[in-house]
Amino acid sequence: MYEQMLQLYPDERRQKKFPSSQAWPLLILIDLYQKLRVAQSIYISLAHTAYISGIRAIALCCH
């Protein structure tokens, strides 16, 4: 696991910011959190688009 993290984050190894393996879980959490926020914003924009197109479809059907 530690070796995989070193491959994913080569900059940290070069800068020697995180010499101990105790910091890696924090990095994983931060990475997951950022991915979750991106996924959440995509989901919200998709839901918004579907909502608006649904309203338009209903409006077209009623008129």
Protein backbone atom coordinates (compact mmCIF):
# COMPACT_ATOMS: atom_id res chain seq x y z
CA MET A 1 0.00 0.00 0.00
CA TYR A 2 2.79 2.39 0.93
CA GLU A 3 4.60 1.67 -2.35
CA GLN A 4 1.41 2.37 -4.31
CA MET A 5 1.05 5.70 -2.55
CA LEU A 6 4.63 6.57 -3.40
CA GLN A 7 3.83 5.91 -7.05
CA LEU A 8 0.68 8.03 -6.88
CA TYR A 9 2.39 10.87 -5.02
CA PRO A 10 6.00 11.02 -6.24
CA ASP A 11 6.34 14.71 -5.31
CA GLU A 12 5.94 14.02 -1.60
CA ARG A 13 8.70 11.42 -1.72
CA ARG A 14 11.00 13.85 -3.53
CA GLN A 15 10.34 16.69 -1.12
CA LYS A 16 10.53 14.39 1.93
CA LYS A 17 7.43 16.03 3.37
CA PHE A 18 5.94 12.73 4.51
CA PRO A 19 8.78 10.48 5.68
CA SER A 20 6.53 8.42 7.95
CA SER A 21 3.81 6.08 6.77
CA GLN A 22 1.43 7.66 9.31
CA ALA A 23 0.72 10.58 6.97
CA TRP A 24 -0.44 8.39 4.08
CA PRO A 25 -3.97 7.68 5.43
CA LEU A 26 -4.49 11.44 5.66
CA LEU A 27 -3.41 11.83 2.04
CA ILE A 28 -5.78 9.07 0.97
CA LEU A 29 -8.64 10.73 2.85
CA ILE A 30 -7.92 14.12 1.28
CA ASP A 31 -7.77 12.52 -2.18
CA LEU A 32 -11.06 10.68 -1.64
CA TYR A 33 -12.70 13.84 -0.32
CA GLN A 34 -11.66 15.81 -3.42
CA LYS A 35 -12.93 13.06 -5.72
CA LEU A 36 -16.20 12.96 -3.78
CA ARG A 37 -16.68 16.71 -4.15
CA VAL A 38 -16.07 16.51 -7.91
CA ALA A 39 -18.55 13.63 -8.23
CA GLN A 40 -21.09 15.54 -6.13
CA SER A 41 -20.87 18.65 -8.29
CA ILE A 42 -21.24 16.55 -11.47
CA TYR A 43 -24.26 14.79 -9.96
CA ILE A 44 -25.87 18.10 -8.95
CA SER A 45 -25.39 19.59 -12.44
CA LEU A 46 -26.81 16.44 -14.07
CA ALA A 47 -29.80 16.46 -11.73
CA HIS A 48 -30.36 20.15 -12.45
CA THR A 49 -30.26 19.54 -16.21
CA ALA A 50 -32.68 16.61 -15.92
CA TYR A 51 -35.01 18.69 -13.75
CA ILE A 52 -35.11 21.58 -16.23
CA SER A 53 -35.60 19.30 -19.24
CA GLY A 54 -38.38 17.52 -17.34
CA ILE A 55 -40.15 20.83 -16.68
CA ARG A 56 -39.80 21.72 -20.36
CA ALA A 57 -41.21 18.35 -21.42
CA ILE A 58 -44.20 18.76 -19.09
CA ALA A 59 -44.77 22.31 -20.34
CA LEU A 60 -44.68 21.12 -23.96
CA CYS A 61 -47.13 18.30 -23.23
CA CYS A 62 -49.59 20.54 -21.41
CA HIS A 63 -49.64 23.19 -24.13
